[in-house]
Amino acid sequence: MKQEMEFESVRKYLEKTPTADEPTKIESLPERFFDPLIMQGVRPVLIEPGRVVCSFRVPPRLLNTANTLHGGAIASLVDLVGSAAIFTAGAPFTGVSVEISVSYLDGAGVDEEIEIEARNLRVGKAVAVVSVELRKKDTGKIIAQGRHTKYLALTSKL
């Protein structure tokens, strides 16, 4: 009986029963809205071969329940800003994710200015590896460190 109660709690957590107008809001979202949702407000500060640095003020839409930048948003920033660094190596496309890891070291609150720095560790013919660090702009304190491996699809010779 106790295990059934725990399963019920998990089910309720995952289902998050919507309010009366939420289903309509969710269904009306445009296709592929996720990247713009995360990237709106990201400002490139430096773009050079193998490196991209951006500035970003944490918006309320990306907060978690602790009122800090959501871990999923951080992982998306690692993905998207890291992909931009791959372009600086002359890659015609950024490929698809093979592996992504993020170490979360500190939080960033609403309106806090952060710096996102992506560095190419390797961009080969088939695989790219990027390191991405998010820091508090005023103190330099590290918020998160990410590493992203991407498969760069080979072009056909036909």
N, C-alpha and C. Protein backbone atom coordinates (compact mmCIF):
# COMPACT_ATOMS: atom_id res chain seq x y z
N MET A 1 0.82 -1.20 0.00
CA MET A 1 0.00 0.00 0.00
C MET A 1 0.86 1.26 0.00
N LYS A 2 1.94 1.25 0.79
CA LYS A 2 2.81 2.43 0.84
C LYS A 2 3.45 2.69 -0.53
N GLN A 3 3.89 1.62 -1.20
CA GLN A 3 4.52 1.78 -2.51
C GLN A 3 3.52 2.36 -3.51
N GLU A 4 2.25 1.95 -3.45
CA GLU A 4 1.22 2.50 -4.33
C GLU A 4 1.07 4.00 -4.11
N MET A 5 1.14 4.46 -2.85
CA MET A 5 1.05 5.88 -2.54
C MET A 5 2.22 6.63 -3.17
N GLU A 6 3.42 6.06 -3.06
CA GLU A 6 4.58 6.71 -3.64
C GLU A 6 4.45 6.80 -5.16
N PHE A 7 3.95 5.74 -5.80
CA PHE A 7 3.76 5.76 -7.24
C PHE A 7 2.73 6.81 -7.64
N GLU A 8 1.70 6.95 -6.84
CA GLU A 8 0.67 7.95 -7.12
C GLU A 8 1.25 9.36 -7.02
N SER A 9 2.12 9.60 -6.06
CA SER A 9 2.78 10.90 -5.93
C SER A 9 3.65 11.19 -7.15
N VAL A 10 4.35 10.17 -7.61
CA VAL A 10 5.19 10.34 -8.79
C VAL A 10 4.32 10.64 -10.02
N ARG A 11 3.22 9.92 -10.16
CA ARG A 11 2.32 10.14 -11.30
C ARG A 11 1.79 11.56 -11.30
N LYS A 12 1.36 12.04 -10.14
CA LYS A 12 0.84 13.41 -10.04
C LYS A 12 1.91 14.45 -10.37
N TYR A 13 3.14 14.19 -9.93
CA TYR A 13 4.24 15.10 -10.22
C TYR A 13 4.48 15.18 -11.73
N LEU A 14 4.46 14.04 -12.39
CA LEU A 14 4.75 14.01 -13.83
C LEU A 14 3.61 14.55 -14.68
N GLU A 15 2.38 14.32 -14.26
CA GLU A 15 1.24 14.74 -15.07
C GLU A 15 0.95 16.23 -14.95
N LYS A 16 1.25 16.83 -13.83
CA LYS A 16 1.03 18.28 -13.63
C LYS A 16 -0.31 18.72 -14.25
N THR A 17 -1.38 18.40 -13.61
CA THR A 17 -2.71 18.74 -14.11
C THR A 17 -2.79 20.21 -14.48
N PRO A 18 -3.12 20.49 -15.74
CA PRO A 18 -3.16 21.89 -16.20
C PRO A 18 -4.37 22.64 -15.68
N THR A 19 -4.25 23.96 -15.64
CA THR A 19 -5.40 24.78 -15.31
C THR A 19 -6.32 24.82 -16.53
N ALA A 20 -7.46 25.44 -16.39
CA ALA A 20 -8.47 25.44 -17.44
C ALA A 20 -7.96 25.96 -18.78
N ASP A 21 -7.11 26.99 -18.80
CA ASP A 21 -6.66 27.56 -20.08
C ASP A 21 -5.30 27.05 -20.55
N GLU A 22 -4.60 26.26 -19.76
CA GLU A 22 -3.27 25.79 -20.15
C GLU A 22 -3.25 24.89 -21.38
N PRO A 23 -4.19 23.92 -21.53
CA PRO A 23 -4.13 23.08 -22.73
C PRO A 23 -4.20 23.92 -24.01
N THR A 24 -5.02 24.93 -24.02
CA THR A 24 -5.14 25.79 -25.18
C THR A 24 -3.84 26.52 -25.44
N LYS A 25 -3.22 27.04 -24.39
CA LYS A 25 -1.95 27.75 -24.53
C LYS A 25 -0.87 26.85 -25.08
N ILE A 26 -0.76 25.65 -24.55
CA ILE A 26 0.30 24.73 -24.97
C ILE A 26 0.09 24.31 -26.42
N GLU A 27 -1.14 23.97 -26.78
CA GLU A 27 -1.43 23.52 -28.14
C GLU A 27 -1.24 24.64 -29.16
N SER A 28 -1.31 25.89 -28.73
CA SER A 28 -1.18 27.00 -29.67
C SER A 28 0.26 27.47 -29.85
N LEU A 29 1.20 26.85 -29.15
CA LEU A 29 2.60 27.23 -29.32
C LEU A 29 3.05 26.89 -30.74
N PRO A 30 3.86 27.74 -31.34
CA PRO A 30 4.33 27.46 -32.70
C PRO A 30 5.30 26.28 -32.71
N GLU A 31 5.44 25.66 -33.88
CA GLU A 31 6.41 24.58 -34.02
C GLU A 31 7.81 25.13 -33.80
N ARG A 32 8.67 24.31 -33.27
CA ARG A 32 10.08 24.65 -33.03
C ARG A 32 10.26 25.95 -32.23
N PHE A 33 9.44 26.12 -31.23
CA PHE A 33 9.50 27.34 -30.41
C PHE A 33 10.61 27.28 -29.37
N PHE A 34 11.15 26.10 -29.11
CA PHE A 34 12.03 25.92 -27.96
C PHE A 34 13.32 26.73 -28.05
N ASP A 35 14.04 26.66 -29.17
CA ASP A 35 15.30 27.40 -29.29
C ASP A 35 15.10 28.90 -29.10
N PRO A 36 14.12 29.53 -29.78
CA PRO A 36 13.92 30.97 -29.53
C PRO A 36 13.53 31.29 -28.09
N LEU A 37 12.79 30.39 -27.43
CA LEU A 37 12.42 30.60 -26.03
C LEU A 37 13.66 30.71 -25.16
N ILE A 38 14.63 29.85 -25.41
CA ILE A 38 15.87 29.84 -24.63
C ILE A 38 16.80 30.99 -25.05
N MET A 39 16.96 31.18 -26.35
CA MET A 39 17.98 32.08 -26.89
C MET A 39 17.60 33.56 -26.90
N GLN A 40 16.33 33.87 -26.74
CA GLN A 40 15.94 35.28 -26.75
C GLN A 40 16.68 36.03 -25.64
N GLY A 41 17.43 37.04 -26.02
CA GLY A 41 18.20 37.82 -25.05
C GLY A 41 19.68 37.50 -25.02
N VAL A 42 20.09 36.43 -25.70
CA VAL A 42 21.52 36.10 -25.76
C VAL A 42 22.19 37.07 -26.73
N ARG A 43 23.27 37.71 -26.26
CA ARG A 43 23.98 38.70 -27.07
C ARG A 43 25.42 38.27 -27.29
N PRO A 44 25.83 38.04 -28.54
CA PRO A 44 27.22 37.71 -28.81
C PRO A 44 28.13 38.88 -28.44
N VAL A 45 29.19 38.60 -27.72
CA VAL A 45 30.16 39.61 -27.30
C VAL A 45 31.46 39.44 -28.09
N LEU A 46 31.83 38.18 -28.35
CA LEU A 46 33.07 37.87 -29.06
C LEU A 46 32.85 36.62 -29.90
N ILE A 47 33.24 36.69 -31.15
CA ILE A 47 33.21 35.53 -32.03
C ILE A 47 34.56 35.48 -32.74
N GLU A 48 35.28 34.38 -32.51
CA GLU A 48 36.57 34.19 -33.15
C GLU A 48 36.72 32.70 -33.46
N PRO A 49 37.69 32.32 -34.28
CA PRO A 49 37.83 30.90 -34.60
C PRO A 49 37.96 30.05 -33.34
N GLY A 50 37.04 29.11 -33.19
CA GLY A 50 37.08 28.18 -32.07
C GLY A 50 36.49 28.68 -30.77
N ARG A 51 35.95 29.90 -30.77
CA ARG A 51 35.47 30.46 -29.49
C ARG A 51 34.32 31.44 -29.73
N VAL A 52 33.31 31.33 -28.87
CA VAL A 52 32.18 32.27 -28.86
C VAL A 52 31.91 32.66 -27.42
N VAL A 53 31.76 33.96 -27.18
CA VAL A 53 31.40 34.46 -25.85
C VAL A 53 30.12 35.27 -25.99
N CYS A 54 29.14 34.98 -25.14
CA CYS A 54 27.87 35.68 -25.16
C CYS A 54 27.53 36.21 -23.77
N SER A 55 26.68 37.21 -23.75
CA SER A 55 26.17 37.77 -22.51
C SER A 55 24.67 37.50 -22.48
N PHE A 56 24.13 37.31 -21.28
CA PHE A 56 22.72 36.94 -21.16
C PHE A 56 22.20 37.38 -19.80
N ARG A 57 21.09 38.08 -19.80
CA ARG A 57 20.43 38.46 -18.54
C ARG A 57 19.32 37.45 -18.29
N VAL A 58 19.34 36.78 -17.15
CA VAL A 58 18.39 35.70 -16.84
C VAL A 58 16.96 36.25 -16.80
N PRO A 59 16.08 35.74 -17.69
CA PRO A 59 14.70 36.20 -17.72
C PRO A 59 13.80 35.36 -16.80
N PRO A 60 12.70 35.91 -16.34
CA PRO A 60 11.78 35.16 -15.47
C PRO A 60 11.25 33.88 -16.12
N ARG A 61 11.11 33.85 -17.43
CA ARG A 61 10.53 32.68 -18.11
C ARG A 61 11.39 31.42 -17.98
N LEU A 62 12.68 31.58 -17.61
CA LEU A 62 13.59 30.44 -17.54
C LEU A 62 13.95 30.05 -16.11
N LEU A 63 13.17 30.50 -15.14
CA LEU A 63 13.45 30.17 -13.74
C LEU A 63 12.84 28.83 -13.35
N ASN A 64 13.49 28.16 -12.40
CA ASN A 64 12.95 26.94 -11.81
C ASN A 64 12.17 27.31 -10.54
N THR A 65 11.75 26.32 -9.80
CA THR A 65 10.96 26.59 -8.59
C THR A 65 11.78 27.26 -7.48
N ALA A 66 13.11 27.21 -7.58
CA ALA A 66 13.98 27.89 -6.62
C ALA A 66 14.30 29.32 -7.07
N ASN A 67 13.64 29.75 -8.15
CA ASN A 67 13.86 31.10 -8.72
C ASN A 67 15.28 31.33 -9.20
N THR A 68 15.90 30.27 -9.73
CA THR A 68 17.21 30.39 -10.38
C THR A 68 17.09 29.82 -11.79
N LEU A 69 18.08 30.11 -12.61
CA LEU A 69 18.06 29.64 -13.99
C LEU A 69 17.91 28.12 -14.02
N HIS A 70 16.91 27.66 -14.74
CA HIS A 70 16.56 26.23 -14.79
C HIS A 70 17.69 25.42 -15.41
N GLY A 71 17.95 24.24 -14.85
CA GLY A 71 19.00 23.37 -15.37
C GLY A 71 18.78 22.97 -16.81
N GLY A 72 17.53 22.79 -17.21
CA GLY A 72 17.24 22.46 -18.61
C GLY A 72 17.60 23.61 -19.53
N ALA A 73 17.37 24.85 -19.08
CA ALA A 73 17.74 26.02 -19.87
C ALA A 73 19.26 26.11 -19.99
N ILE A 74 19.96 25.79 -18.91
CA ILE A 74 21.43 25.80 -18.93
C ILE A 74 21.93 24.76 -19.94
N ALA A 75 21.37 23.56 -19.90
CA ALA A 75 21.78 22.51 -20.85
C ALA A 75 21.51 22.95 -22.29
N SER A 76 20.39 23.63 -22.51
CA SER A 76 20.08 24.13 -23.85
C SER A 76 21.08 25.20 -24.28
N LEU A 77 21.48 26.07 -23.36
CA LEU A 77 22.49 27.08 -23.69
C LEU A 77 23.83 26.42 -24.02
N VAL A 78 24.18 25.36 -23.31
CA VAL A 78 25.40 24.61 -23.63
C VAL A 78 25.29 24.07 -25.06
N ASP A 79 24.16 23.51 -25.40
CA ASP A 79 23.91 22.97 -26.73
C ASP A 79 24.00 24.06 -27.80
N LEU A 80 23.23 25.12 -27.64
CA LEU A 80 23.08 26.12 -28.69
C LEU A 80 24.30 27.03 -28.85
N VAL A 81 24.86 27.51 -27.75
CA VAL A 81 26.05 28.37 -27.85
C VAL A 81 27.26 27.51 -28.27
N GLY A 82 27.31 26.28 -27.76
CA GLY A 82 28.38 25.37 -28.19
C GLY A 82 28.30 25.08 -29.68
N SER A 83 27.10 24.93 -30.20
CA SER A 83 26.92 24.71 -31.64
C SER A 83 27.41 25.90 -32.44
N ALA A 84 27.20 27.11 -31.93
CA ALA A 84 27.68 28.31 -32.61
C ALA A 84 29.21 28.28 -32.72
N ALA A 85 29.87 27.79 -31.68
CA ALA A 85 31.34 27.70 -31.72
C ALA A 85 31.80 26.74 -32.82
N ILE A 86 31.04 25.68 -33.04
CA ILE A 86 31.40 24.73 -34.10
C ILE A 86 31.39 25.43 -35.46
N PHE A 87 30.44 26.33 -35.67
CA PHE A 87 30.39 27.09 -36.93
C PHE A 87 31.68 27.89 -37.15
N THR A 88 32.28 28.37 -36.08
CA THR A 88 33.49 29.21 -36.23
C THR A 88 34.67 28.42 -36.78
N ALA A 89 34.59 27.09 -36.76
CA ALA A 89 35.65 26.25 -37.31
C ALA A 89 35.44 25.98 -38.80
N GLY A 90 34.40 26.60 -39.36
CA GLY A 90 34.11 26.41 -40.78
C GLY A 90 33.20 25.26 -41.09
N ALA A 91 32.65 24.63 -40.07
CA ALA A 91 31.71 23.53 -40.31
C ALA A 91 30.45 24.09 -40.98
N PRO A 92 29.95 23.42 -42.03
CA PRO A 92 28.76 23.92 -42.72
C PRO A 92 27.47 23.70 -41.93
N PHE A 93 27.52 22.81 -40.94
CA PHE A 93 26.37 22.54 -40.07
C PHE A 93 26.91 22.04 -38.74
N THR A 94 26.06 22.02 -37.73
CA THR A 94 26.56 21.67 -36.39
C THR A 94 26.26 20.24 -35.97
N GLY A 95 25.64 19.47 -36.83
CA GLY A 95 25.43 18.06 -36.54
C GLY A 95 24.36 17.79 -35.50
N VAL A 96 24.41 16.59 -34.96
CA VAL A 96 23.43 16.15 -33.96
C VAL A 96 24.16 15.73 -32.68
N SER A 97 23.48 15.88 -31.58
CA SER A 97 24.09 15.56 -30.28
C SER A 97 24.32 14.07 -30.13
N VAL A 98 25.51 13.75 -29.63
CA VAL A 98 25.85 12.38 -29.29
C VAL A 98 25.88 12.24 -27.77
N GLU A 99 26.42 13.28 -27.12
CA GLU A 99 26.53 13.28 -25.66
C GLU A 99 26.59 14.72 -25.19
N ILE A 100 25.94 14.96 -24.07
CA ILE A 100 26.03 16.28 -23.44
C ILE A 100 26.05 16.05 -21.93
N SER A 101 26.96 16.75 -21.26
CA SER A 101 27.00 16.65 -19.80
C SER A 101 27.16 18.05 -19.24
N VAL A 102 26.54 18.27 -18.10
CA VAL A 102 26.60 19.58 -17.45
C VAL A 102 26.82 19.37 -15.96
N SER A 103 27.79 20.10 -15.41
CA SER A 103 27.98 20.15 -13.96
C SER A 103 27.43 21.49 -13.49
N TYR A 104 26.45 21.44 -12.60
CA TYR A 104 25.81 22.65 -12.07
C TYR A 104 26.49 23.02 -10.76
N LEU A 105 27.10 24.21 -10.73
CA LEU A 105 27.93 24.58 -9.59
C LEU A 105 27.36 25.71 -8.75
N ASP A 106 26.48 26.53 -9.33
CA ASP A 106 25.89 27.66 -8.60
C ASP A 106 24.62 28.08 -9.33
N GLY A 107 23.82 28.91 -8.70
CA GLY A 107 22.60 29.40 -9.32
C GLY A 107 22.75 30.83 -9.83
N ALA A 108 21.86 31.21 -10.72
CA ALA A 108 21.79 32.58 -11.21
C ALA A 108 20.33 33.01 -11.15
N GLY A 109 20.07 34.14 -10.48
CA GLY A 109 18.71 34.61 -10.30
C GLY A 109 18.22 35.50 -11.43
N VAL A 110 16.96 35.87 -11.34
CA VAL A 110 16.33 36.70 -12.36
C VAL A 110 17.08 38.03 -12.51
N ASP A 111 17.26 38.46 -13.73
CA ASP A 111 17.95 39.70 -14.11
C ASP A 111 19.45 39.66 -13.86
N GLU A 112 19.98 38.54 -13.41
CA GLU A 112 21.42 38.45 -13.21
C GLU A 112 22.10 38.29 -14.58
N GLU A 113 23.16 39.03 -14.79
CA GLU A 113 23.90 38.98 -16.05
C GLU A 113 24.91 37.85 -15.98
N ILE A 114 24.85 36.96 -16.98
CA ILE A 114 25.81 35.86 -17.04
C ILE A 114 26.57 35.92 -18.36
N GLU A 115 27.73 35.29 -18.34
CA GLU A 115 28.56 35.18 -19.54
C GLU A 115 28.63 33.70 -19.91
N ILE A 116 28.48 33.42 -21.19
CA ILE A 116 28.53 32.05 -21.68
C ILE A 116 29.71 31.97 -22.65
N GLU A 117 30.67 31.12 -22.35
CA GLU A 117 31.83 30.97 -23.23
C GLU A 117 31.93 29.55 -23.74
N ALA A 118 31.94 29.42 -25.06
CA ALA A 118 32.06 28.11 -25.71
C ALA A 118 33.39 28.04 -26.44
N ARG A 119 34.10 26.93 -26.23
CA ARG A 119 35.40 26.71 -26.89
C ARG A 119 35.39 25.35 -27.57
N ASN A 120 35.84 25.33 -28.80
CA ASN A 120 35.98 24.06 -29.50
C ASN A 120 37.17 23.31 -28.94
N LEU A 121 36.96 22.07 -28.56
CA LEU A 121 38.06 21.20 -28.14
C LEU A 121 38.56 20.41 -29.33
N ARG A 122 37.62 20.06 -30.23
CA ARG A 122 37.97 19.36 -31.46
C ARG A 122 36.82 19.50 -32.44
N VAL A 123 37.13 19.85 -33.67
CA VAL A 123 36.15 19.81 -34.75
C VAL A 123 36.81 19.06 -35.88
N GLY A 124 36.41 17.81 -36.05
CA GLY A 124 36.97 16.96 -37.10
C GLY A 124 35.99 16.82 -38.24
N LYS A 125 36.21 15.79 -39.05
CA LYS A 125 35.33 15.54 -40.19
C LYS A 125 34.00 14.95 -39.75
N ALA A 126 34.02 14.15 -38.69
CA ALA A 126 32.81 13.46 -38.27
C ALA A 126 32.32 13.83 -36.87
N VAL A 127 33.21 14.33 -36.01
CA VAL A 127 32.83 14.59 -34.62
C VAL A 127 33.37 15.96 -34.18
N ALA A 128 32.56 16.65 -33.39
CA ALA A 128 32.99 17.91 -32.76
C ALA A 128 32.76 17.79 -31.26
N VAL A 129 33.69 18.36 -30.49
CA VAL A 129 33.56 18.39 -29.03
C VAL A 129 33.77 19.83 -28.58
N VAL A 130 32.84 20.32 -27.78
CA VAL A 130 32.85 21.70 -27.33
C VAL A 130 32.76 21.75 -25.81
N SER A 131 33.48 22.69 -25.21
CA SER A 131 33.39 22.96 -23.78
C SER A 131 32.68 24.30 -23.60
N VAL A 132 31.71 24.35 -22.71
CA VAL A 132 30.94 25.59 -22.49
C VAL A 132 30.91 25.89 -20.99
N GLU A 133 31.19 27.14 -20.65
CA GLU A 133 31.17 27.57 -19.26
C GLU A 133 30.23 28.76 -19.11
N LEU A 134 29.38 28.71 -18.10
CA LEU A 134 28.50 29.83 -17.75
C LEU A 134 29.01 30.43 -16.45
N ARG A 135 29.23 31.77 -16.46
CA ARG A 135 29.76 32.46 -15.28
C ARG A 135 28.91 33.68 -14.94
N LYS A 136 28.91 34.03 -13.66
CA LYS A 136 28.30 35.29 -13.25
C LYS A 136 29.19 36.41 -13.77
N LYS A 137 28.60 37.36 -14.46
CA LYS A 137 29.41 38.40 -15.09
C LYS A 137 30.10 39.30 -14.07
N ASP A 138 29.42 39.60 -12.97
CA ASP A 138 30.00 40.54 -12.01
C ASP A 138 31.12 39.93 -11.15
N THR A 139 31.06 38.62 -10.88
CA THR A 139 32.06 38.00 -10.00
C THR A 139 32.96 36.98 -10.70
N GLY A 140 32.53 36.50 -11.86
CA GLY A 140 33.28 35.46 -12.55
C GLY A 140 33.03 34.07 -11.98
N LYS A 141 32.17 33.97 -10.95
CA LYS A 141 31.89 32.68 -10.33
C LYS A 141 31.20 31.75 -11.34
N ILE A 142 31.69 30.52 -11.41
CA ILE A 142 31.16 29.56 -12.38
C ILE A 142 29.79 29.06 -11.93
N ILE A 143 28.83 29.13 -12.84
CA ILE A 143 27.47 28.63 -12.60
C ILE A 143 27.38 27.17 -13.06
N ALA A 144 27.92 26.92 -14.25
CA ALA A 144 27.86 25.57 -14.81
C ALA A 144 28.97 25.38 -15.83
N GLN A 145 29.40 24.12 -15.95
CA GLN A 145 30.37 23.74 -16.99
C GLN A 145 29.75 22.60 -17.78
N GLY A 146 29.80 22.73 -19.09
CA GLY A 146 29.23 21.70 -19.94
C GLY A 146 30.21 21.23 -20.99
N ARG A 147 29.97 20.03 -21.45
CA ARG A 147 30.77 19.44 -22.53
C ARG A 147 29.78 18.79 -23.48
N HIS A 148 29.95 19.06 -24.76
CA HIS A 148 28.99 18.60 -25.75
C HIS A 148 29.71 17.95 -26.91
N THR A 149 29.33 16.72 -27.23
CA THR A 149 29.87 16.01 -28.38
C THR A 149 28.79 15.91 -29.44
N LYS A 150 29.16 16.26 -30.68
CA LYS A 150 28.20 16.23 -31.78
C LYS A 150 28.76 15.44 -32.95
N TYR A 151 27.88 14.69 -33.59
CA TYR A 151 28.23 13.97 -34.80
C TYR A 151 27.95 14.89 -35.98
N LEU A 152 28.97 15.12 -36.78
CA LEU A 152 28.82 15.97 -37.96
C LEU A 152 28.54 15.03 -39.15
N ALA A 153 27.30 14.96 -39.56
CA ALA A 153 26.90 14.05 -40.63
C ALA A 153 27.78 14.27 -41.85
N LEU A 154 28.28 13.18 -42.39
CA LEU A 154 29.14 13.26 -43.56
C LEU A 154 28.31 13.53 -44.80
N THR A 155 28.81 14.38 -45.67
CA THR A 155 28.08 14.68 -46.91
C THR A 155 28.30 13.56 -47.91
N SER A 156 27.29 13.31 -48.69
CA SER A 156 27.37 12.26 -49.71
C SER A 156 28.26 12.71 -50.86
N LYS A 157 28.98 11.76 -51.45
CA LYS A 157 29.84 12.07 -52.59
C LYS A 157 29.11 11.84 -53.91
N LEU A 158 27.84 11.55 -53.84
CA LEU A 158 27.06 11.33 -55.08
C LEU A 158 26.70 12.63 -55.74
